[in-house]
Amino acid sequence: MICQISPSDSAGKKIQIFSADKINIGQIVKLLNGDIVVGAAKIQYELPYRDPVTQNYIYEITDPNLKIKEGDRLNVQFFKKVDATEAWIPVSFVFSKLDGNYVRIQNGSGFVETKVELGDINGDLVKVTSGASLGQTIVN
């Protein structure tokens, strides 16, 4: 998800967030410049149309207290509730090969590199949609 800072009125800077995922109005998002947290803000408005090129949803935040400037590009992090029947693992446990993403699944005293399909990212976690399941031990 990306966000762009644009001019606003005297209330502060307008932040437009472009997201393939639906975000709830009122949801708190964390804004980062690289690894540095710039602040947190509440989603205030959803535009009534999607970006015509990317089909992303467009959301807006206006917050005079954020230390950002016009033209800045930030990363946006938001959290969703996780279903207890879904398999979520730390993103850092996933590694890439030419043919896809892999994890190491414990097998006795060793491990097996197993190809996995990934879904949503939620903070530092990623959903495993196939290749590994609940109850298996993933090693880093």
N, C-alpha and C. Protein backbone atom coordinates (compact mmCIF):
# COMPACT_ATOMS: atom_id res chain seq x y z
N MET A 1 0.85 -1.15 0.00
CA MET A 1 0.00 0.00 0.00
C MET A 1 0.90 1.22 0.00
N ILE A 2 0.53 2.23 -0.77
CA ILE A 2 1.32 3.44 -0.81
C ILE A 2 0.46 4.63 -0.42
N CYS A 3 1.12 5.70 -0.03
CA CYS A 3 0.39 6.91 0.26
C CYS A 3 1.19 8.09 -0.24
N GLN A 4 0.51 9.16 -0.56
CA GLN A 4 1.15 10.36 -1.09
C GLN A 4 0.59 11.56 -0.35
N ILE A 5 1.49 12.51 -0.01
CA ILE A 5 1.10 13.71 0.69
C ILE A 5 0.79 14.80 -0.34
N SER A 6 -0.35 15.46 -0.20
CA SER A 6 -0.71 16.53 -1.12
C SER A 6 -1.20 17.74 -0.34
N PRO A 7 -1.21 18.92 -0.98
CA PRO A 7 -1.64 20.12 -0.26
C PRO A 7 -3.07 19.99 0.22
N SER A 8 -3.38 20.68 1.31
CA SER A 8 -4.72 20.65 1.86
C SER A 8 -5.06 22.07 2.29
N ASP A 9 -6.05 22.18 3.16
CA ASP A 9 -6.42 23.49 3.68
C ASP A 9 -5.66 23.77 4.97
N SER A 10 -6.10 24.74 5.74
CA SER A 10 -5.41 25.12 6.96
C SER A 10 -5.45 24.03 8.02
N ALA A 11 -6.28 23.00 7.82
CA ALA A 11 -6.39 21.91 8.79
C ALA A 11 -5.16 21.00 8.77
N GLY A 12 -4.34 21.11 7.75
CA GLY A 12 -3.14 20.27 7.70
C GLY A 12 -2.91 19.71 6.32
N LYS A 13 -2.05 18.71 6.24
CA LYS A 13 -1.73 18.08 4.97
C LYS A 13 -2.69 16.93 4.71
N LYS A 14 -3.06 16.78 3.47
CA LYS A 14 -3.95 15.68 3.08
C LYS A 14 -3.08 14.51 2.66
N ILE A 15 -3.36 13.36 3.21
CA ILE A 15 -2.65 12.15 2.86
C ILE A 15 -3.62 11.29 2.07
N GLN A 16 -3.23 10.92 0.86
CA GLN A 16 -4.04 10.01 0.07
C GLN A 16 -3.38 8.64 0.12
N ILE A 17 -4.17 7.63 0.46
CA ILE A 17 -3.69 6.26 0.56
C ILE A 17 -4.34 5.46 -0.55
N PHE A 18 -3.51 4.76 -1.32
CA PHE A 18 -3.98 3.92 -2.41
C PHE A 18 -3.81 2.47 -1.99
N SER A 19 -4.91 1.73 -1.92
CA SER A 19 -4.86 0.37 -1.39
C SER A 19 -5.70 -0.58 -2.22
N ALA A 20 -5.14 -1.76 -2.50
CA ALA A 20 -5.91 -2.81 -3.18
C ALA A 20 -6.93 -3.41 -2.22
N ASP A 21 -6.65 -3.28 -0.91
CA ASP A 21 -7.55 -3.80 0.13
C ASP A 21 -8.52 -2.72 0.59
N LYS A 22 -9.69 -3.15 0.99
CA LYS A 22 -10.69 -2.26 1.57
C LYS A 22 -10.25 -1.93 3.00
N ILE A 23 -10.30 -0.66 3.38
CA ILE A 23 -9.97 -0.22 4.74
C ILE A 23 -11.22 0.43 5.32
N ASN A 24 -11.48 0.20 6.59
CA ASN A 24 -12.65 0.79 7.23
C ASN A 24 -12.39 2.24 7.61
N ILE A 25 -13.41 3.07 7.40
CA ILE A 25 -13.34 4.45 7.88
C ILE A 25 -13.19 4.39 9.39
N GLY A 26 -12.27 5.17 9.94
CA GLY A 26 -12.01 5.16 11.37
C GLY A 26 -10.87 4.24 11.78
N GLN A 27 -10.42 3.38 10.86
CA GLN A 27 -9.31 2.49 11.17
C GLN A 27 -8.02 3.29 11.35
N ILE A 28 -7.23 2.92 12.35
CA ILE A 28 -5.95 3.56 12.59
C ILE A 28 -4.90 2.89 11.70
N VAL A 29 -4.08 3.72 11.03
CA VAL A 29 -2.98 3.21 10.22
C VAL A 29 -1.68 3.81 10.73
N LYS A 30 -0.60 3.06 10.57
CA LYS A 30 0.73 3.53 10.94
C LYS A 30 1.42 4.01 9.67
N LEU A 31 2.05 5.19 9.72
CA LEU A 31 2.74 5.76 8.57
C LEU A 31 4.24 5.65 8.81
N LEU A 32 4.96 5.10 7.83
CA LEU A 32 6.40 4.90 7.97
C LEU A 32 7.16 5.50 6.80
N ASN A 33 8.31 6.07 7.10
CA ASN A 33 9.24 6.54 6.09
C ASN A 33 10.43 5.60 6.20
N GLY A 34 10.48 4.58 5.35
CA GLY A 34 11.46 3.50 5.52
C GLY A 34 11.06 2.71 6.75
N ASP A 35 11.99 2.61 7.72
CA ASP A 35 11.71 1.91 8.98
C ASP A 35 11.31 2.87 10.09
N ILE A 36 11.30 4.17 9.80
CA ILE A 36 11.01 5.18 10.81
C ILE A 36 9.51 5.47 10.84
N VAL A 37 8.90 5.33 12.01
CA VAL A 37 7.48 5.62 12.17
C VAL A 37 7.30 7.13 12.20
N VAL A 38 6.53 7.65 11.25
CA VAL A 38 6.25 9.09 11.16
C VAL A 38 5.07 9.45 12.04
N GLY A 39 4.15 8.53 12.20
CA GLY A 39 2.98 8.78 13.03
C GLY A 39 1.90 7.76 12.76
N ALA A 40 0.79 7.97 13.41
CA ALA A 40 -0.39 7.14 13.20
C ALA A 40 -1.57 8.08 13.00
N ALA A 41 -2.51 7.67 12.20
CA ALA A 41 -3.66 8.51 11.92
C ALA A 41 -4.87 7.63 11.62
N LYS A 42 -6.02 8.26 11.65
CA LYS A 42 -7.29 7.56 11.43
C LYS A 42 -7.78 7.84 10.01
N ILE A 43 -8.20 6.77 9.31
CA ILE A 43 -8.79 6.93 7.98
C ILE A 43 -10.07 7.75 8.14
N GLN A 44 -10.17 8.86 7.39
CA GLN A 44 -11.31 9.76 7.53
C GLN A 44 -12.30 9.71 6.38
N TYR A 45 -11.84 9.34 5.19
CA TYR A 45 -12.71 9.47 4.03
C TYR A 45 -12.30 8.47 2.96
N GLU A 46 -13.27 7.87 2.30
CA GLU A 46 -13.03 7.03 1.14
C GLU A 46 -13.60 7.73 -0.08
N LEU A 47 -12.78 7.94 -1.10
CA LEU A 47 -13.27 8.56 -2.32
C LEU A 47 -14.31 7.66 -2.97
N PRO A 48 -15.31 8.24 -3.65
CA PRO A 48 -16.40 7.43 -4.21
C PRO A 48 -16.04 6.70 -5.50
N TYR A 49 -14.77 6.74 -5.88
CA TYR A 49 -14.32 6.05 -7.09
C TYR A 49 -12.95 5.44 -6.83
N ARG A 50 -12.55 4.50 -7.68
CA ARG A 50 -11.23 3.88 -7.59
C ARG A 50 -10.28 4.55 -8.56
N ASP A 51 -8.98 4.38 -8.31
CA ASP A 51 -7.97 4.89 -9.24
C ASP A 51 -8.22 4.24 -10.60
N PRO A 52 -8.36 5.02 -11.68
CA PRO A 52 -8.73 4.45 -12.98
C PRO A 52 -7.68 3.51 -13.57
N VAL A 53 -6.42 3.67 -13.21
CA VAL A 53 -5.37 2.82 -13.77
C VAL A 53 -5.16 1.56 -12.95
N THR A 54 -5.01 1.71 -11.62
CA THR A 54 -4.67 0.56 -10.76
C THR A 54 -5.89 -0.12 -10.15
N GLN A 55 -7.04 0.55 -10.18
CA GLN A 55 -8.27 0.08 -9.54
C GLN A 55 -8.14 0.00 -8.02
N ASN A 56 -7.14 0.70 -7.45
CA ASN A 56 -7.00 0.77 -6.00
C ASN A 56 -8.07 1.65 -5.39
N TYR A 57 -8.47 1.34 -4.16
CA TYR A 57 -9.33 2.22 -3.39
C TYR A 57 -8.49 3.43 -2.98
N ILE A 58 -9.13 4.58 -2.83
CA ILE A 58 -8.42 5.79 -2.43
C ILE A 58 -9.03 6.31 -1.14
N TYR A 59 -8.19 6.51 -0.13
CA TYR A 59 -8.62 6.99 1.18
C TYR A 59 -7.87 8.27 1.50
N GLU A 60 -8.45 9.07 2.41
CA GLU A 60 -7.79 10.31 2.80
C GLU A 60 -7.73 10.46 4.31
N ILE A 61 -6.65 11.12 4.74
CA ILE A 61 -6.42 11.50 6.12
C ILE A 61 -5.96 12.94 6.09
N THR A 62 -6.42 13.77 7.02
CA THR A 62 -5.88 15.11 7.20
C THR A 62 -5.46 15.20 8.66
N ASP A 63 -4.19 15.48 8.90
CA ASP A 63 -3.68 15.55 10.26
C ASP A 63 -2.59 16.60 10.36
N PRO A 64 -2.84 17.69 11.07
CA PRO A 64 -1.86 18.78 11.16
C PRO A 64 -0.64 18.43 12.01
N ASN A 65 -0.69 17.35 12.77
CA ASN A 65 0.40 17.02 13.70
C ASN A 65 1.48 16.12 13.10
N LEU A 66 1.24 15.55 11.93
CA LEU A 66 2.23 14.67 11.33
C LEU A 66 3.39 15.49 10.77
N LYS A 67 4.60 15.02 10.98
CA LYS A 67 5.80 15.72 10.51
C LYS A 67 6.17 15.18 9.12
N ILE A 68 5.41 15.65 8.14
CA ILE A 68 5.60 15.23 6.76
C ILE A 68 5.52 16.46 5.89
N LYS A 69 6.00 16.34 4.66
CA LYS A 69 5.92 17.48 3.75
C LYS A 69 5.32 17.05 2.41
N GLU A 70 4.81 18.04 1.70
CA GLU A 70 4.17 17.78 0.42
C GLU A 70 5.11 17.01 -0.49
N GLY A 71 4.60 15.98 -1.15
CA GLY A 71 5.38 15.16 -2.07
C GLY A 71 6.02 13.94 -1.43
N ASP A 72 6.04 13.88 -0.08
CA ASP A 72 6.60 12.70 0.59
C ASP A 72 5.82 11.46 0.18
N ARG A 73 6.51 10.35 0.12
CA ARG A 73 5.87 9.05 -0.11
C ARG A 73 6.19 8.18 1.09
N LEU A 74 5.15 7.61 1.65
CA LEU A 74 5.28 6.82 2.87
C LEU A 74 4.72 5.43 2.68
N ASN A 75 5.16 4.52 3.53
CA ASN A 75 4.54 3.20 3.60
C ASN A 75 3.44 3.27 4.65
N VAL A 76 2.37 2.56 4.40
CA VAL A 76 1.24 2.53 5.31
C VAL A 76 1.07 1.12 5.83
N GLN A 77 0.89 1.00 7.13
CA GLN A 77 0.71 -0.32 7.74
C GLN A 77 -0.62 -0.29 8.49
N PHE A 78 -1.47 -1.25 8.23
CA PHE A 78 -2.70 -1.36 9.00
C PHE A 78 -2.91 -2.82 9.35
N PHE A 79 -3.67 -3.04 10.39
CA PHE A 79 -3.83 -4.38 10.92
C PHE A 79 -5.27 -4.84 10.76
N LYS A 80 -5.42 -6.11 10.41
CA LYS A 80 -6.73 -6.71 10.26
C LYS A 80 -6.86 -7.83 11.29
N LYS A 81 -8.10 -8.13 11.66
CA LYS A 81 -8.32 -9.27 12.55
C LYS A 81 -7.98 -10.54 11.78
N VAL A 82 -7.37 -11.47 12.48
CA VAL A 82 -6.93 -12.72 11.88
C VAL A 82 -7.85 -13.84 12.34
N ASP A 83 -8.29 -14.66 11.41
CA ASP A 83 -9.11 -15.83 11.71
C ASP A 83 -8.21 -16.91 12.31
N ALA A 84 -8.61 -17.48 13.43
CA ALA A 84 -7.79 -18.47 14.14
C ALA A 84 -7.59 -19.75 13.33
N THR A 85 -8.36 -19.95 12.26
CA THR A 85 -8.20 -21.16 11.45
C THR A 85 -7.22 -20.93 10.29
N GLU A 86 -6.69 -19.71 10.16
CA GLU A 86 -5.76 -19.40 9.08
C GLU A 86 -4.32 -19.56 9.57
N ALA A 87 -3.42 -19.90 8.65
CA ALA A 87 -2.00 -20.05 8.99
C ALA A 87 -1.26 -18.75 8.68
N TRP A 88 -0.75 -18.09 9.71
CA TRP A 88 0.02 -16.85 9.58
C TRP A 88 1.41 -17.08 10.14
N ILE A 89 2.43 -16.62 9.43
CA ILE A 89 3.81 -16.77 9.89
C ILE A 89 4.54 -15.44 9.74
N PRO A 90 5.66 -15.26 10.46
CA PRO A 90 6.44 -14.04 10.27
C PRO A 90 6.97 -13.95 8.84
N VAL A 91 6.89 -12.76 8.26
CA VAL A 91 7.39 -12.54 6.89
C VAL A 91 8.85 -12.96 6.78
N SER A 92 9.61 -12.74 7.85
CA SER A 92 11.04 -13.05 7.83
C SER A 92 11.33 -14.54 7.67
N PHE A 93 10.34 -15.42 7.86
CA PHE A 93 10.53 -16.86 7.72
C PHE A 93 10.41 -17.31 6.26
N VAL A 94 9.98 -16.41 5.38
CA VAL A 94 9.77 -16.74 3.97
C VAL A 94 11.01 -16.33 3.18
N PHE A 95 11.44 -17.21 2.27
CA PHE A 95 12.55 -16.86 1.37
C PHE A 95 12.15 -17.21 -0.05
N SER A 96 12.76 -16.52 -1.00
CA SER A 96 12.39 -16.68 -2.41
C SER A 96 13.43 -17.49 -3.17
N LYS A 97 12.93 -18.27 -4.11
CA LYS A 97 13.75 -18.95 -5.11
C LYS A 97 13.18 -18.54 -6.46
N LEU A 98 13.83 -18.94 -7.53
CA LEU A 98 13.37 -18.55 -8.86
C LEU A 98 11.93 -18.97 -9.15
N ASP A 99 11.51 -20.09 -8.58
CA ASP A 99 10.18 -20.60 -8.90
C ASP A 99 9.12 -20.27 -7.83
N GLY A 100 9.45 -19.43 -6.86
CA GLY A 100 8.42 -19.05 -5.89
C GLY A 100 8.95 -18.82 -4.49
N ASN A 101 8.01 -18.77 -3.54
CA ASN A 101 8.32 -18.53 -2.13
C ASN A 101 8.38 -19.85 -1.38
N TYR A 102 9.29 -19.91 -0.40
CA TYR A 102 9.52 -21.14 0.37
C TYR A 102 9.60 -20.84 1.86
N VAL A 103 9.33 -21.88 2.65
CA VAL A 103 9.57 -21.87 4.09
C VAL A 103 10.27 -23.18 4.45
N ARG A 104 10.86 -23.20 5.63
CA ARG A 104 11.47 -24.43 6.15
C ARG A 104 10.53 -25.03 7.19
N ILE A 105 10.05 -26.25 6.91
CA ILE A 105 9.14 -26.93 7.83
C ILE A 105 9.94 -28.01 8.56
N GLN A 106 9.81 -28.01 9.90
CA GLN A 106 10.54 -28.97 10.71
C GLN A 106 10.11 -30.39 10.35
N ASN A 107 11.11 -31.27 10.23
CA ASN A 107 10.88 -32.66 9.87
C ASN A 107 11.84 -33.49 10.71
N GLY A 108 11.36 -33.99 11.85
CA GLY A 108 12.24 -34.72 12.76
C GLY A 108 13.28 -33.77 13.34
N SER A 109 14.56 -34.12 13.19
CA SER A 109 15.62 -33.24 13.71
C SER A 109 16.10 -32.25 12.66
N GLY A 110 15.55 -32.32 11.45
CA GLY A 110 15.93 -31.40 10.37
C GLY A 110 14.75 -30.60 9.88
N PHE A 111 14.84 -30.16 8.64
CA PHE A 111 13.74 -29.41 8.04
C PHE A 111 13.68 -29.68 6.55
N VAL A 112 12.52 -29.40 5.97
CA VAL A 112 12.30 -29.56 4.54
C VAL A 112 11.91 -28.20 3.98
N GLU A 113 12.58 -27.78 2.90
CA GLU A 113 12.18 -26.54 2.23
C GLU A 113 10.94 -26.83 1.40
N THR A 114 9.88 -26.08 1.68
CA THR A 114 8.59 -26.32 1.06
C THR A 114 8.08 -25.06 0.37
N LYS A 115 7.63 -25.22 -0.86
CA LYS A 115 7.08 -24.09 -1.61
C LYS A 115 5.71 -23.74 -1.03
N VAL A 116 5.45 -22.43 -0.86
CA VAL A 116 4.18 -21.98 -0.31
C VAL A 116 3.59 -20.87 -1.18
N GLU A 117 2.29 -20.76 -1.12
CA GLU A 117 1.57 -19.64 -1.73
C GLU A 117 1.20 -18.69 -0.59
N LEU A 118 1.34 -17.40 -0.82
CA LEU A 118 1.11 -16.42 0.23
C LEU A 118 -0.09 -15.55 -0.10
N GLY A 119 -0.72 -15.04 0.96
CA GLY A 119 -1.88 -14.16 0.81
C GLY A 119 -1.59 -12.80 1.42
N ASP A 120 -2.52 -12.33 2.24
CA ASP A 120 -2.43 -11.00 2.84
C ASP A 120 -1.23 -10.87 3.76
N ILE A 121 -0.78 -9.63 3.92
CA ILE A 121 0.23 -9.28 4.91
C ILE A 121 -0.47 -8.48 5.99
N ASN A 122 -0.19 -8.78 7.24
CA ASN A 122 -0.79 -8.09 8.38
C ASN A 122 0.33 -7.74 9.34
N GLY A 123 0.86 -6.52 9.21
CA GLY A 123 2.00 -6.13 10.02
C GLY A 123 3.22 -6.93 9.61
N ASP A 124 3.81 -7.68 10.54
CA ASP A 124 4.99 -8.50 10.26
C ASP A 124 4.64 -9.94 9.92
N LEU A 125 3.35 -10.22 9.74
CA LEU A 125 2.90 -11.58 9.44
C LEU A 125 2.37 -11.68 8.03
N VAL A 126 2.48 -12.86 7.44
CA VAL A 126 1.93 -13.12 6.12
C VAL A 126 1.09 -14.40 6.20
N LYS A 127 -0.02 -14.40 5.48
CA LYS A 127 -0.91 -15.57 5.47
C LYS A 127 -0.41 -16.59 4.46
N VAL A 128 -0.32 -17.84 4.90
CA VAL A 128 0.06 -18.94 4.01
C VAL A 128 -1.24 -19.56 3.50
N THR A 129 -1.45 -19.50 2.18
CA THR A 129 -2.70 -20.01 1.61
C THR A 129 -2.57 -21.45 1.12
N SER A 130 -1.35 -21.92 0.86
CA SER A 130 -1.13 -23.33 0.53
C SER A 130 0.34 -23.67 0.70
N GLY A 131 0.59 -24.97 0.90
CA GLY A 131 1.96 -25.46 1.05
C GLY A 131 2.33 -25.76 2.49
N ALA A 132 1.73 -25.07 3.44
CA ALA A 132 1.94 -25.31 4.87
C ALA A 132 0.60 -25.11 5.55
N SER A 133 0.44 -25.72 6.72
CA SER A 133 -0.85 -25.62 7.39
C SER A 133 -0.66 -25.48 8.90
N LEU A 134 -1.77 -25.19 9.57
CA LEU A 134 -1.75 -25.08 11.02
C LEU A 134 -1.21 -26.35 11.64
N GLY A 135 -0.43 -26.21 12.69
CA GLY A 135 0.12 -27.36 13.39
C GLY A 135 1.53 -27.73 12.95
N GLN A 136 1.95 -27.30 11.75
CA GLN A 136 3.31 -27.56 11.32
C GLN A 136 4.23 -26.52 11.96
N THR A 137 5.49 -26.93 12.21
CA THR A 137 6.46 -26.00 12.80
C THR A 137 7.33 -25.43 11.69
N ILE A 138 7.29 -24.12 11.55
CA ILE A 138 8.09 -23.40 10.56
C ILE A 138 9.33 -22.89 11.27
N VAL A 139 10.51 -23.14 10.70
CA VAL A 139 11.76 -22.68 11.32
C VAL A 139 12.39 -21.60 10.44
N ASN A 140 13.14 -20.73 11.10
CA ASN A 140 13.77 -19.62 10.40
C ASN A 140 15.17 -19.99 9.98
